[in-house]
């Protein structure tokens, strides 16, 4: 059973270009004042952006996912 506060891979927006994913994560982090994560699906080469402060339990190399970055919003 998955923790309800944890982001699912289904809750992420997927991009084919890593720079686009990173830029979107940075933009959303600032707008939403939430930490955002970027995860790579190593099987498809896609990059997912979703809300999160830490690596989710489903993100593991053996499952085909790799955490690329966690972007925290700037403090005001």
PDB file of N, CA and C in Angstrom:
ATOM      1  N   UNK A   1       0.846  -1.182   0.000  1.00  0.00           N
ATOM      2  CA  UNK A   1       0.000   0.000   0.000  1.00  0.00           C
ATOM      3  C   UNK A   1       0.891   1.244   0.000  1.00  0.00           C
ATOM      4  N   UNK A   2       0.575   2.171  -0.867  1.00  0.00           N
ATOM      5  CA  UNK A   2       1.391   3.370  -1.016  1.00  0.00           C
ATOM      6  C   UNK A   2       0.927   4.466  -0.064  1.00  0.00           C
ATOM      7  N   UNK A   3       1.901   5.180   0.485  1.00  0.00           N
ATOM      8  CA  UNK A   3       1.621   6.327   1.340  1.00  0.00           C
ATOM      9  C   UNK A   3       0.865   7.367   0.519  1.00  0.00           C
ATOM     10  N   UNK A   4      -0.217   7.892   1.030  1.00  0.00           N
ATOM     11  CA  UNK A   4      -1.054   8.837   0.276  1.00  0.00           C
ATOM     12  C   UNK A   4      -0.354  10.169   0.017  1.00  0.00           C
ATOM     13  N   UNK A   5       0.678  10.496   0.785  1.00  0.00           N
ATOM     14  CA  UNK A   5       1.380  11.755   0.566  1.00  0.00           C
ATOM     15  C   UNK A   5       2.529  11.592  -0.421  1.00  0.00           C
ATOM     16  N   UNK A   6       2.813  10.381  -0.838  1.00  0.00           N
ATOM     17  CA  UNK A   6       3.916  10.137  -1.766  1.00  0.00           C
ATOM     18  C   UNK A   6       3.434  10.264  -3.215  1.00  0.00           C
ATOM     19  N   UNK A   7       4.251  10.899  -4.037  1.00  0.00           N
ATOM     20  CA  UNK A   7       3.923  11.072  -5.446  1.00  0.00           C
ATOM     21  C   UNK A   7       4.071   9.752  -6.188  1.00  0.00           C
ATOM     22  N   UNK A   8       3.091   9.422  -6.986  1.00  0.00           N
ATOM     23  CA  UNK A   8       3.135   8.236  -7.828  1.00  0.00           C
ATOM     24  C   UNK A   8       3.718   8.620  -9.184  1.00  0.00           C
ATOM     25  N   UNK A   9       4.261   7.660  -9.907  1.00  0.00           N
ATOM     26  CA  UNK A   9       4.755   7.966 -11.252  1.00  0.00           C
ATOM     27  C   UNK A   9       3.615   8.454 -12.134  1.00  0.00           C
ATOM     28  N   UNK A  10       2.399   8.094 -11.794  1.00  0.00           N
ATOM     29  CA  UNK A  10       1.224   8.551 -12.553  1.00  0.00           C
ATOM     30  C   UNK A  10       0.916  10.024 -12.282  1.00  0.00           C
ATOM     31  N   UNK A  11       1.404  10.549 -11.142  1.00  0.00           N
ATOM     32  CA  UNK A  11       1.155  11.935 -10.771  1.00  0.00           C
ATOM     33  C   UNK A  11       2.161  12.897 -11.399  1.00  0.00           C
ATOM     34  N   UNK A  12       3.087  12.378 -12.164  1.00  0.00           N
ATOM     35  CA  UNK A  12       4.156  13.197 -12.718  1.00  0.00           C
ATOM     36  C   UNK A  12       3.840  13.593 -14.157  1.00  0.00           C
ATOM     37  N   UNK A  13       4.439  14.699 -14.593  1.00  0.00           N
ATOM     38  CA  UNK A  13       4.368  15.113 -15.984  1.00  0.00           C
ATOM     39  C   UNK A  13       5.681  14.694 -16.624  1.00  0.00           C
ATOM     40  N   UNK A  14       5.602  14.034 -17.769  1.00  0.00           N
ATOM     41  CA  UNK A  14       6.782  13.433 -18.393  1.00  0.00           C
ATOM     42  C   UNK A  14       7.229  14.218 -19.616  1.00  0.00           C
ATOM     43  N   UNK A  15       8.538  14.407 -19.719  1.00  0.00           N
ATOM     44  CA  UNK A  15       9.160  15.161 -20.814  1.00  0.00           C
ATOM     45  C   UNK A  15      10.244  14.302 -21.457  1.00  0.00           C
ATOM     46  N   UNK A  16      10.468  14.518 -22.755  1.00  0.00           N
ATOM     47  CA  UNK A  16      11.506  13.764 -23.445  1.00  0.00           C
ATOM     48  C   UNK A  16      12.872  14.438 -23.354  1.00  0.00           C
ATOM     49  N   UNK A  17      12.895  15.719 -23.025  1.00  0.00           N
ATOM     50  CA  UNK A  17      14.146  16.461 -22.937  1.00  0.00           C
ATOM     51  C   UNK A  17      14.459  16.814 -21.483  1.00  0.00           C
ATOM     52  N   UNK A  18      15.657  16.454 -20.993  1.00  0.00           N
ATOM     53  CA  UNK A  18      15.987  16.712 -19.591  1.00  0.00           C
ATOM     54  C   UNK A  18      16.016  18.200 -19.237  1.00  0.00           C
ATOM     55  N   UNK A  19      16.452  19.055 -20.150  1.00  0.00           N
ATOM     56  CA  UNK A  19      16.482  20.493 -19.844  1.00  0.00           C
ATOM     57  C   UNK A  19      15.077  21.055 -19.691  1.00  0.00           C
ATOM     58  N   UNK A  20      14.153  20.562 -20.482  1.00  0.00           N
ATOM     59  CA  UNK A  20      12.762  21.009 -20.368  1.00  0.00           C
ATOM     60  C   UNK A  20      12.174  20.561 -19.027  1.00  0.00           C
ATOM     61  N   UNK A  21      12.476  19.332 -18.629  1.00  0.00           N
ATOM     62  CA  UNK A  21      11.986  18.823 -17.342  1.00  0.00           C
ATOM     63  C   UNK A  21      12.573  19.621 -16.194  1.00  0.00           C
ATOM     64  N   UNK A  22      13.877  19.887 -16.235  1.00  0.00           N
ATOM     65  CA  UNK A  22      14.522  20.657 -15.167  1.00  0.00           C
ATOM     66  C   UNK A  22      13.990  22.077 -15.079  1.00  0.00           C
ATOM     67  N   UNK A  23      13.803  22.703 -16.235  1.00  0.00           N
ATOM     68  CA  UNK A  23      13.259  24.063 -16.259  1.00  0.00           C
ATOM     69  C   UNK A  23      11.840  24.117 -15.732  1.00  0.00           C
ATOM     70  N   UNK A  24      11.057  23.127 -16.103  1.00  0.00           N
ATOM     71  CA  UNK A  24       9.666  23.071 -15.623  1.00  0.00           C
ATOM     72  C   UNK A  24       9.625  22.837 -14.110  1.00  0.00           C
ATOM     73  N   UNK A  25      10.504  21.979 -13.610  1.00  0.00           N
ATOM     74  CA  UNK A  25      10.561  21.724 -12.170  1.00  0.00           C
ATOM     75  C   UNK A  25      10.938  22.997 -11.410  1.00  0.00           C
ATOM     76  N   UNK A  26      11.906  23.736 -11.921  1.00  0.00           N
ATOM     77  CA  UNK A  26      12.313  24.991 -11.292  1.00  0.00           C
ATOM     78  C   UNK A  26      11.174  26.005 -11.305  1.00  0.00           C
ATOM     79  N   UNK A  27      10.522  26.133 -12.441  1.00  0.00           N
ATOM     80  CA  UNK A  27       9.397  27.067 -12.570  1.00  0.00           C
ATOM     81  C   UNK A  27       8.257  26.708 -11.615  1.00  0.00           C
ATOM     82  N   UNK A  28       7.893  25.434 -11.576  1.00  0.00           N
ATOM     83  CA  UNK A  28       6.787  25.005 -10.707  1.00  0.00           C
ATOM     84  C   UNK A  28       7.152  25.130  -9.236  1.00  0.00           C
ATOM     85  N   UNK A  29       8.397  24.884  -8.897  1.00  0.00           N
ATOM     86  CA  UNK A  29       8.837  25.013  -7.512  1.00  0.00           C
ATOM     87  C   UNK A  29       8.653  26.446  -7.026  1.00  0.00           C
ATOM     88  N   UNK A  30       9.024  27.402  -7.874  1.00  0.00           N
ATOM     89  CA  UNK A  30       8.880  28.816  -7.503  1.00  0.00           C
ATOM     90  C   UNK A  30       7.413  29.235  -7.429  1.00  0.00           C
ATOM     91  N   UNK A  31       6.614  28.825  -8.409  1.00  0.00           N
ATOM     92  CA  UNK A  31       5.195  29.222  -8.447  1.00  0.00           C
ATOM     93  C   UNK A  31       4.393  28.601  -7.310  1.00  0.00           C
ATOM     94  N   UNK A  32       4.641  27.327  -7.042  1.00  0.00           N
ATOM     95  CA  UNK A  32       3.857  26.612  -6.037  1.00  0.00           C
ATOM     96  C   UNK A  32       4.476  26.664  -4.643  1.00  0.00           C
ATOM     97  N   UNK A  33       5.717  27.165  -4.548  1.00  0.00           N
ATOM     98  CA  UNK A  33       6.449  27.184  -3.273  1.00  0.00           C
ATOM     99  C   UNK A  33       6.510  25.783  -2.667  1.00  0.00           C
ATOM    100  N   UNK A  34       6.723  24.790  -3.534  1.00  0.00           N
ATOM    101  CA  UNK A  34       6.834  23.381  -3.134  1.00  0.00           C
ATOM    102  C   UNK A  34       8.117  22.809  -3.725  1.00  0.00           C
ATOM    103  N   UNK A  35       8.673  21.825  -3.069  1.00  0.00           N
ATOM    104  CA  UNK A  35       9.819  21.122  -3.630  1.00  0.00           C
ATOM    105  C   UNK A  35       9.337  20.238  -4.771  1.00  0.00           C
ATOM    106  N   UNK A  36      10.134  20.182  -5.831  1.00  0.00           N
ATOM    107  CA  UNK A  36       9.803  19.381  -7.005  1.00  0.00           C
ATOM    108  C   UNK A  36      10.945  18.406  -7.264  1.00  0.00           C
ATOM    109  N   UNK A  37      10.616  17.238  -7.784  1.00  0.00           N
ATOM    110  CA  UNK A  37      11.652  16.259  -8.106  1.00  0.00           C
ATOM    111  C   UNK A  37      11.629  15.955  -9.597  1.00  0.00           C
ATOM    112  N   UNK A  38      12.791  15.581 -10.099  1.00  0.00           N
ATOM    113  CA  UNK A  38      12.934  15.150 -11.484  1.00  0.00           C
ATOM    114  C   UNK A  38      13.449  13.716 -11.440  1.00  0.00           C
ATOM    115  N   UNK A  39      12.724  12.825 -12.114  1.00  0.00           N
ATOM    116  CA  UNK A  39      13.061  11.405 -12.124  1.00  0.00           C
ATOM    117  C   UNK A  39      13.171  10.941 -13.563  1.00  0.00           C
ATOM    118  N   UNK A  40      14.166  10.114 -13.849  1.00  0.00           N
ATOM    119  CA  UNK A  40      14.336   9.556 -15.183  1.00  0.00           C
ATOM    120  C   UNK A  40      13.802   8.134 -15.223  1.00  0.00           C
ATOM    121  N   UNK A  41      13.005   7.852 -16.247  1.00  0.00           N
ATOM    122  CA  UNK A  41      12.597   6.482 -16.536  1.00  0.00           C
ATOM    123  C   UNK A  41      13.684   5.934 -17.457  1.00  0.00           C
ATOM    124  N   UNK A  42      14.543   5.085 -16.939  1.00  0.00           N
ATOM    125  CA  UNK A  42      15.703   4.624 -17.702  1.00  0.00           C
ATOM    126  C   UNK A  42      15.321   3.697 -18.851  1.00  0.00           C
ATOM    127  N   UNK A  43      14.134   3.142 -18.829  1.00  0.00           N
ATOM    128  CA  UNK A  43      13.692   2.263 -19.922  1.00  0.00           C
ATOM    129  C   UNK A  43      13.263   3.058 -21.141  1.00  0.00           C
ATOM    130  N   UNK A  44      12.575   4.188 -20.907  1.00  0.00           N
ATOM    131  CA  UNK A  44      12.058   4.984 -22.023  1.00  0.00           C
ATOM    132  C   UNK A  44      12.895   6.229 -22.303  1.00  0.00           C
ATOM    133  N   UNK A  45      13.714   6.638 -21.338  1.00  0.00           N
ATOM    134  CA  UNK A  45      14.497   7.855 -21.490  1.00  0.00           C
ATOM    135  C   UNK A  45      13.708   9.118 -21.180  1.00  0.00           C
ATOM    136  N   UNK A  46      12.501   8.980 -20.675  1.00  0.00           N
ATOM    137  CA  UNK A  46      11.670  10.133 -20.338  1.00  0.00           C
ATOM    138  C   UNK A  46      12.040  10.662 -18.948  1.00  0.00           C
ATOM    139  N   UNK A  47      11.742  11.952 -18.712  1.00  0.00           N
ATOM    140  CA  UNK A  47      12.043  12.616 -17.446  1.00  0.00           C
ATOM    141  C   UNK A  47      10.742  13.121 -16.842  1.00  0.00           C
ATOM    142  N   UNK A  48      10.441  12.671 -15.624  1.00  0.00           N
ATOM    143  CA  UNK A  48       9.213  13.046 -14.947  1.00  0.00           C
ATOM    144  C   UNK A  48       9.446  14.152 -13.934  1.00  0.00           C
ATOM    145  N   UNK A  49       8.475  15.058 -13.848  1.00  0.00           N
ATOM    146  CA  UNK A  49       8.503  16.156 -12.880  1.00  0.00           C
ATOM    147  C   UNK A  49       7.274  16.007 -11.988  1.00  0.00           C
ATOM    148  N   UNK A  50       7.509  16.046 -10.676  1.00  0.00           N
ATOM    149  CA  UNK A  50       6.410  15.930  -9.735  1.00  0.00           C
ATOM    150  C   UNK A  50       6.762  16.549  -8.397  1.00  0.00           C
ATOM    151  N   UNK A  51       5.768  16.715  -7.575  1.00  0.00           N
ATOM    152  CA  UNK A  51       5.954  17.300  -6.251  1.00  0.00           C
ATOM    153  C   UNK A  51       6.617  16.274  -5.348  1.00  0.00           C
ATOM    154  N   UNK A  52       7.618  16.719  -4.594  1.00  0.00           N
ATOM    155  CA  UNK A  52       8.254  15.812  -3.652  1.00  0.00           C
ATOM    156  C   UNK A  52       9.523  16.369  -3.057  1.00  0.00           C
ATOM    157  N   UNK A  53       9.761  16.035  -1.792  1.00  0.00           N
ATOM    158  CA  UNK A  53      10.955  16.491  -1.073  1.00  0.00           C
ATOM    159  C   UNK A  53      12.017  15.408  -0.984  1.00  0.00           C
ATOM    160  N   UNK A  54      11.643  14.173  -1.337  1.00  0.00           N
ATOM    161  CA  UNK A  54      12.595  13.068  -1.240  1.00  0.00           C
ATOM    162  C   UNK A  54      12.253  12.011  -2.287  1.00  0.00           C
ATOM    163  N   UNK A  55      13.188  11.099  -2.462  1.00  0.00           N
ATOM    164  CA  UNK A  55      13.007  10.030  -3.440  1.00  0.00           C
ATOM    165  C   UNK A  55      11.841   9.129  -3.028  1.00  0.00           C
ATOM    166  N   UNK A  56      10.867   8.926  -3.907  1.00  0.00           N
ATOM    167  CA  UNK A  56       9.744   8.046  -3.558  1.00  0.00           C
ATOM    168  C   UNK A  56      10.182   6.582  -3.518  1.00  0.00           C
ATOM    169  N   UNK A  57       9.430   5.764  -2.824  1.00  0.00           N
ATOM    170  CA  UNK A  57       9.792   4.353  -2.651  1.00  0.00           C
ATOM    171  C   UNK A  57       9.815   3.584  -3.969  1.00  0.00           C
ATOM    172  N   UNK A  58       9.032   3.985  -4.940  1.00  0.00           N
ATOM    173  CA  UNK A  58       8.977   3.280  -6.218  1.00  0.00           C
ATOM    174  C   UNK A  58      10.143   3.638  -7.141  1.00  0.00           C
ATOM    175  N   UNK A  59      10.921   4.660  -6.787  1.00  0.00           N
ATOM    176  CA  UNK A  59      12.042   5.111  -7.611  1.00  0.00           C
ATOM    177  C   UNK A  59      13.291   4.327  -7.233  1.00  0.00           C
ATOM    178  N   UNK A  60      13.617   3.333  -8.053  1.00  0.00           N
ATOM    179  CA  UNK A  60      14.795   2.501  -7.806  1.00  0.00           C
ATOM    180  C   UNK A  60      15.374   2.060  -9.144  1.00  0.00           C
ATOM    181  N   UNK A  61      16.686   1.982  -9.203  1.00  0.00           N
ATOM    182  CA  UNK A  61      17.367   1.562 -10.446  1.00  0.00           C
ATOM    183  C   UNK A  61      16.831   0.217 -10.935  1.00  0.00           C
ATOM    184  N   UNK A  62      16.608  -0.719 -10.010  1.00  0.00           N
ATOM    185  CA  UNK A  62      16.147  -2.050 -10.414  1.00  0.00           C
ATOM    186  C   UNK A  62      14.724  -2.024 -10.975  1.00  0.00           C
ATOM    187  N   UNK A  63      13.971  -0.953 -10.668  1.00  0.00           N
ATOM    188  CA  UNK A  63      12.616  -0.800 -11.208  1.00  0.00           C
ATOM    189  C   UNK A  63      12.602   0.072 -12.458  1.00  0.00           C
ATOM    190  N   UNK A  64      13.786   0.577 -12.853  1.00  0.00           N
ATOM    191  CA  UNK A  64      13.877   1.364 -14.073  1.00  0.00           C
ATOM    192  C   UNK A  64      13.735   2.861 -13.877  1.00  0.00           C
ATOM    193  N   UNK A  65      13.880   3.354 -12.656  1.00  0.00           N
ATOM    194  CA  UNK A  65      13.757   4.788 -12.379  1.00  0.00           C
ATOM    195  C   UNK A  65      14.983   5.278 -11.617  1.00  0.00           C
ATOM    196  N   UNK A  66      15.368   6.522 -11.883  1.00  0.00           N
ATOM    197  CA  UNK A  66      16.522   7.118 -11.201  1.00  0.00           C
ATOM    198  C   UNK A  66      16.195   8.566 -10.846  1.00  0.00           C
ATOM    199  N   UNK A  67      16.436   8.917  -9.587  1.00  0.00           N
ATOM    200  CA  UNK A  67      16.241  10.290  -9.133  1.00  0.00           C
ATOM    201  C   UNK A  67      17.353  11.151  -9.723  1.00  0.00           C
ATOM    202  N   UNK A  68      16.974  12.209 -10.411  1.00  0.00           N
ATOM    203  CA  UNK A  68      17.937  13.124 -11.023  1.00  0.00           C
ATOM    204  C   UNK A  68      18.182  14.326 -10.109  1.00  0.00           C
ATOM    205  N   UNK A  69      17.116  14.930  -9.593  1.00  0.00           N
ATOM    206  CA  UNK A  69      17.276  16.129  -8.760  1.00  0.00           C
ATOM    207  C   UNK A  69      16.034  16.383  -7.933  1.00  0.00           C
ATOM    208  N   UNK A  70      16.251  17.089  -6.826  1.00  0.00           N
ATOM    209  CA  UNK A  70      15.158  17.647  -6.031  1.00  0.00           C
ATOM    210  C   UNK A  70      15.420  19.141  -5.982  1.00  0.00           C
ATOM    211  N   UNK A  71      14.434  19.909  -6.397  1.00  0.00           N
ATOM    212  CA  UNK A  71      14.567  21.365  -6.465  1.00  0.00           C
ATOM    213  C   UNK A  71      13.683  21.984  -5.400  1.00  0.00           C
ATOM    214  N   UNK A  72      14.302  22.744  -4.526  1.00  0.00           N
ATOM    215  CA  UNK A  72      13.574  23.420  -3.457  1.00  0.00           C
ATOM    216  C   UNK A  72      13.348  24.880  -3.833  1.00  0.00           C
ATOM    217  N   UNK A  73      12.188  25.430  -3.484  1.00  0.00           N
ATOM    218  CA  UNK A  73      11.945  26.843  -3.790  1.00  0.00           C
ATOM    219  C   UNK A  73      12.843  27.746  -2.941  1.00  0.00           C
ATOM    220  N   UNK A  74      13.139  28.906  -3.482  1.00  0.00           N
ATOM    221  CA  UNK A  74      13.904  29.880  -2.700  1.00  0.00           C
ATOM    222  C   UNK A  74      13.052  30.377  -1.545  1.00  0.00           C
ATOM    223  N   UNK A  75      13.694  30.643  -0.428  1.00  0.00           N
ATOM    224  CA  UNK A  75      12.961  31.196   0.713  1.00  0.00           C
ATOM    225  C   UNK A  75      12.795  32.677   0.514  1.00  0.00           C
ATOM    226  N   UNK A  76      11.642  33.197   0.892  1.00  0.00           N
ATOM    227  CA  UNK A  76      11.363  34.627   0.739  1.00  0.00           C
ATOM    228  C   UNK A  76      11.562  35.342   2.054  1.00  0.00           C
TER     229      UNK A  76
END
